[in-house]
Amino acid sequence: MDASGRNGGGETVQASEFLERSARRALVTGASRGLGLEIGLGFARAGYQVALNGRDADALEAAQARLAAEGIRAEVIVGDL
């Protein structure tokens, strides 16, 4: 889809329809605790595939376990963005 809202075939696509067609993914920084973790949980509960990022590997592992306890799979990316 280009900036005019048209896909390659010239058909106009509404933003909501585009989101329904596409995979929804979220990379959440600062996700090892606090607000970042809660944002990650919110995205995951809304059906997004979530990747959690932070600097503390142990805290990220605990955050991943918290999501797993709710049946949510999350990727973990340790690093400073």
Protein backbone atom coordinates (compact mmCIF):
# COMPACT_ATOMS: atom_id res chain seq x y z
CA MET A 1 0.00 0.00 0.00
CA ASP A 2 1.38 3.41 -0.86
CA ALA A 3 0.87 6.75 0.92
CA SER A 4 -2.40 7.38 -0.95
CA GLY A 5 -3.96 4.28 0.62
CA ARG A 6 -3.85 2.31 -2.61
CA ASN A 7 -2.35 -1.13 -2.90
CA GLY A 8 -0.41 -2.30 -5.94
CA GLY A 9 -3.62 -3.16 -7.83
CA GLY A 10 -5.02 0.35 -7.57
CA GLU A 11 -7.69 -0.68 -5.03
CA THR A 12 -8.20 1.69 -2.09
CA VAL A 13 -7.74 -0.04 1.26
CA GLN A 14 -8.98 1.34 4.57
CA ALA A 15 -6.43 1.44 7.38
CA SER A 16 -8.49 -0.89 9.57
CA GLU A 17 -8.72 -3.44 6.75
CA PHE A 18 -4.97 -3.16 6.18
CA LEU A 19 -4.30 -3.88 9.87
CA GLU A 20 -6.59 -6.89 9.77
CA ARG A 21 -4.71 -8.28 6.78
CA SER A 22 -1.23 -7.72 8.16
CA ALA A 23 0.53 -9.49 10.99
CA ARG A 24 0.50 -7.33 14.07
CA ARG A 25 3.84 -7.15 15.83
CA ALA A 26 5.16 -4.93 18.60
CA LEU A 27 8.70 -4.35 19.83
CA VAL A 28 8.51 -2.92 23.33
CA THR A 29 11.63 -1.31 24.78
CA GLY A 30 12.16 -1.09 28.52
CA ALA A 31 9.93 -4.14 28.82
CA SER A 32 11.70 -5.93 31.67
CA ARG A 33 9.56 -4.21 34.32
CA GLY A 34 7.14 -1.42 35.09
CA LEU A 35 5.36 0.50 32.36
CA GLY A 36 7.23 -1.22 29.53
CA LEU A 37 6.16 -4.64 30.78
CA GLU A 38 2.55 -3.50 31.15
CA ILE A 39 2.59 -2.09 27.61
CA GLY A 40 3.95 -5.41 26.35
CA LEU A 41 1.19 -7.26 28.19
CA GLY A 42 -1.41 -4.93 26.67
CA PHE A 43 -0.18 -5.53 23.14
CA ALA A 44 -0.02 -9.29 23.72
CA ARG A 45 -3.53 -9.42 25.16
CA ALA A 46 -4.73 -7.49 22.10
CA GLY A 47 -3.35 -10.22 19.87
CA TYR A 48 0.00 -8.77 18.86
CA GLN A 49 3.14 -10.86 18.54
CA VAL A 50 5.41 -9.26 21.13
CA ALA A 51 9.16 -8.85 21.43
CA LEU A 52 10.39 -7.58 24.79
CA ASN A 53 13.59 -5.52 24.87
CA GLY A 54 15.68 -4.37 27.81
CA ARG A 55 19.19 -4.41 29.25
CA ASP A 56 18.63 -6.78 32.19
CA ALA A 57 18.56 -10.38 30.92
CA ASP A 58 17.32 -11.81 34.22
CA ALA A 59 14.46 -9.30 34.47
CA LEU A 60 13.50 -9.96 30.83
CA GLU A 61 13.43 -13.69 31.52
CA ALA A 62 11.07 -13.03 34.45
CA ALA A 63 8.89 -10.83 32.24
CA GLN A 64 8.79 -13.55 29.59
CA ALA A 65 7.76 -16.06 32.27
CA ARG A 66 4.97 -13.72 33.41
CA LEU A 67 3.56 -13.60 29.89
CA ALA A 68 4.00 -17.37 29.51
CA ALA A 69 1.93 -17.87 32.67
CA GLU A 70 -0.93 -16.21 30.75
CA GLY A 71 -0.33 -18.42 27.72
CA ILE A 72 1.44 -15.66 25.80
CA ARG A 73 4.60 -16.35 23.81
CA ALA A 74 7.07 -13.46 23.69
CA GLU A 75 10.50 -13.08 22.16
CA VAL A 76 13.24 -11.51 24.29
CA ILE A 77 15.89 -9.17 22.90
CA VAL A 78 18.57 -8.20 25.39
CA GLY A 79 20.33 -4.96 24.53
CA ASP A 80 20.41 -1.19 24.84
CA LEU A 81 18.52 0.57 22.08
